[in-house]
Amino acid sequence: MINVLFVCHGNICRSTMAEFVMKDIVQKAGLEKDFYIQSRATHRDEIGADTHWGTKEKLDKEGIPYTKRHATLMTKEDYDKYDYIIGMDDENMRYISKIIGSDPQNKVFMLMDFAGEHRSIADPWYTGNFDATFDDIMAACKGLLMSINKK
């Protein structure tokens, strides 16, 4: 079982979009039994909130299923539970480090690295552009699956 955790600031936009996109990708590849995929927040702002309406609207438009959920906070214990801990931007990466401490097993990555670009995924909470965020997440999640399959 490959355990993947996507992380963003509030766990209602980018990390949830990545969670559901990745679940869809692995399901379509017939690999859903090989993966456990979740998402978390680095901050408490939205704890308990469901996925942002803009993320749901974009997932609906793309035909990607999602479920009702509640934003949850990342914990230090998540480091032991997950094989991949994936942040969306530089701020997320700093807070992931604060939460887990060191990364001796090299489990922590920035999502766009899997798309061949070391850069942040724009937060649609601020930009309002869920299309651009989706495009980045889709490309990076496809790259993540390819990277995992090479191992």
Protein backbone atom coordinates (compact mmCIF):
# COMPACT_ATOMS: atom_id res chain seq x y z
CA MET A 1 0.00 0.00 0.00
CA ILE A 2 1.31 3.42 -1.00
CA ASN A 3 0.16 6.16 1.36
CA VAL A 4 -0.03 9.69 -0.05
CA LEU A 5 -0.84 12.85 1.89
CA PHE A 6 -1.50 16.17 0.15
CA VAL A 7 -1.08 19.28 2.29
CA CYS A 8 -2.08 22.93 1.90
CA HIS A 9 -2.92 25.86 4.16
CA GLY A 10 -6.58 25.15 4.97
CA ASN A 11 -7.33 21.75 3.42
CA ILE A 12 -10.35 22.98 1.48
CA CYS A 13 -9.00 23.96 -1.98
CA ARG A 14 -5.69 22.66 -3.35
CA SER A 15 -4.97 19.64 -1.15
CA THR A 16 -8.55 18.36 -1.43
CA MET A 17 -8.47 18.90 -5.19
CA ALA A 18 -5.21 16.94 -5.35
CA GLU A 19 -6.67 14.20 -3.14
CA PHE A 20 -9.69 13.65 -5.37
CA VAL A 21 -7.76 14.05 -8.63
CA MET A 22 -5.18 11.48 -7.50
CA LYS A 23 -7.90 9.08 -6.33
CA ASP A 24 -9.53 9.38 -9.75
CA ILE A 25 -6.24 8.83 -11.60
CA VAL A 26 -5.34 5.69 -9.63
CA GLN A 27 -8.90 4.37 -9.92
CA LYS A 28 -8.84 4.79 -13.71
CA ALA A 29 -5.47 3.01 -13.75
CA GLY A 30 -6.98 0.11 -11.78
CA LEU A 31 -4.64 0.78 -8.85
CA GLU A 32 -7.08 2.00 -6.18
CA LYS A 33 -6.37 -1.04 -3.97
CA ASP A 34 -2.68 -0.10 -3.95
CA PHE A 35 -3.16 3.45 -2.67
CA TYR A 36 -4.38 5.27 0.41
CA ILE A 37 -4.76 8.98 -0.37
CA GLN A 38 -5.73 11.77 2.05
CA SER A 39 -5.22 15.49 2.57
CA ARG A 40 -4.55 17.79 5.53
CA ALA A 41 -4.05 21.44 6.53
CA THR A 42 -1.06 23.22 8.02
CA HIS A 43 -3.32 25.81 9.70
CA ARG A 44 -6.48 25.67 11.78
CA ASP A 45 -8.44 28.33 9.80
CA GLU A 46 -10.82 25.90 8.08
CA ILE A 47 -10.73 22.83 10.38
CA GLY A 48 -14.04 20.99 10.09
CA ALA A 49 -15.05 22.75 6.87
CA ASP A 50 -16.05 20.82 3.75
CA THR A 51 -14.28 21.22 0.41
CA HIS A 52 -14.48 24.75 -1.03
CA TRP A 53 -17.39 25.26 -3.44
CA GLY A 54 -15.00 26.36 -6.21
CA THR A 55 -13.06 23.10 -5.93
CA LYS A 56 -16.30 21.10 -6.03
CA GLU A 57 -17.50 23.07 -9.04
CA LYS A 58 -14.25 22.40 -10.93
CA LEU A 59 -14.24 18.69 -10.02
CA ASP A 60 -17.87 18.43 -11.20
CA LYS A 61 -16.94 20.14 -14.49
CA GLU A 62 -14.10 17.64 -15.00
CA GLY A 63 -16.21 14.61 -14.02
CA ILE A 64 -14.06 13.78 -11.00
CA PRO A 65 -15.96 12.31 -8.04
CA TYR A 66 -15.52 13.59 -4.50
CA THR A 67 -17.10 12.97 -1.13
CA LYS A 68 -18.20 15.21 1.70
CA ARG A 69 -15.31 15.67 4.09
CA HIS A 70 -13.99 17.78 6.93
CA ALA A 71 -10.71 19.70 6.80
CA THR A 72 -8.19 18.20 9.21
CA LEU A 73 -4.88 19.36 10.58
CA MET A 74 -1.61 17.62 9.78
CA THR A 75 0.18 16.09 12.78
CA LYS A 76 3.70 14.92 13.50
CA GLU A 77 2.37 11.33 13.49
CA ASP A 78 1.44 11.67 9.82
CA TYR A 79 5.13 11.38 8.99
CA ASP A 80 5.12 7.73 10.06
CA LYS A 81 1.78 7.00 8.34
CA TYR A 82 2.55 8.29 4.84
CA ASP A 83 5.13 7.45 2.18
CA TYR A 84 4.64 10.77 0.36
CA ILE A 85 3.83 14.08 2.06
CA ILE A 86 3.21 16.64 -0.64
CA GLY A 87 2.88 20.40 -0.19
CA MET A 88 1.47 22.89 -2.65
CA ASP A 89 3.74 25.91 -2.08
CA ASP A 90 6.80 27.19 -0.22
CA GLU A 91 4.75 28.26 2.82
CA ASN A 92 3.22 24.78 3.07
CA MET A 93 6.69 23.27 2.90
CA ARG A 94 7.92 25.47 5.77
CA TYR A 95 4.94 24.54 7.95
CA ILE A 96 5.23 20.83 7.09
CA SER A 97 8.83 21.02 8.35
CA LYS A 98 7.69 22.77 11.53
CA ILE A 99 5.08 20.06 12.13
CA ILE A 100 7.20 16.97 11.42
CA GLY A 101 10.68 18.22 12.22
CA SER A 102 13.27 16.56 10.02
CA ASP A 103 12.65 14.39 6.97
CA PRO A 104 15.21 11.57 7.30
CA GLN A 105 13.28 9.26 4.94
CA ASN A 106 12.91 11.91 2.18
CA LYS A 107 9.11 11.70 2.12
CA VAL A 108 8.35 15.42 1.71
CA PHE A 109 7.91 16.91 -1.76
CA MET A 110 6.40 19.91 -3.49
CA LEU A 111 3.67 18.73 -5.86
CA MET A 112 4.82 20.62 -8.97
CA ASP A 113 8.20 18.86 -8.76
CA PHE A 114 6.38 15.83 -10.19
CA ALA A 115 5.41 17.93 -13.22
CA GLY A 116 9.06 18.84 -13.76
CA GLU A 117 8.71 22.36 -12.37
CA HIS A 118 9.88 23.50 -8.95
CA ARG A 119 7.23 26.10 -8.22
CA SER A 120 4.11 26.71 -6.19
CA ILE A 121 0.57 25.89 -7.18
CA ALA A 122 -1.45 29.09 -6.94
CA ASP A 123 -4.04 29.15 -4.18
CA PRO A 124 -7.48 29.64 -5.79
CA TRP A 125 -8.79 30.94 -2.45
CA TYR A 126 -6.91 34.12 -3.39
CA THR A 127 -6.73 33.95 -7.19
CA GLY A 128 -10.23 32.65 -7.87
CA ASN A 129 -8.69 30.67 -10.75
CA PHE A 130 -9.64 27.06 -10.05
CA ASP A 131 -8.94 26.16 -13.70
CA ALA A 132 -5.21 27.02 -13.48
CA THR A 133 -4.93 25.26 -10.13
CA PHE A 134 -6.63 22.17 -11.55
CA ASP A 135 -4.35 22.09 -14.59
CA ASP A 136 -1.25 22.19 -12.36
CA ILE A 137 -2.62 19.56 -10.00
CA MET A 138 -3.64 17.22 -12.82
CA ALA A 139 -0.23 17.42 -14.50
CA ALA A 140 1.61 16.93 -11.21
CA CYS A 141 -0.58 14.04 -10.02
CA LYS A 142 -0.02 12.24 -13.33
CA GLY A 143 3.71 12.81 -12.85
CA LEU A 144 3.51 11.54 -9.27
CA LEU A 145 1.89 8.28 -10.40
CA MET A 146 4.53 7.85 -13.11
CA SER A 147 7.26 8.47 -10.51
CA ILE A 148 5.75 5.93 -8.11
CA ASN A 149 5.36 3.33 -10.87
CA LYS A 150 9.07 3.66 -11.74
CA LYS A 151 10.11 2.60 -8.23
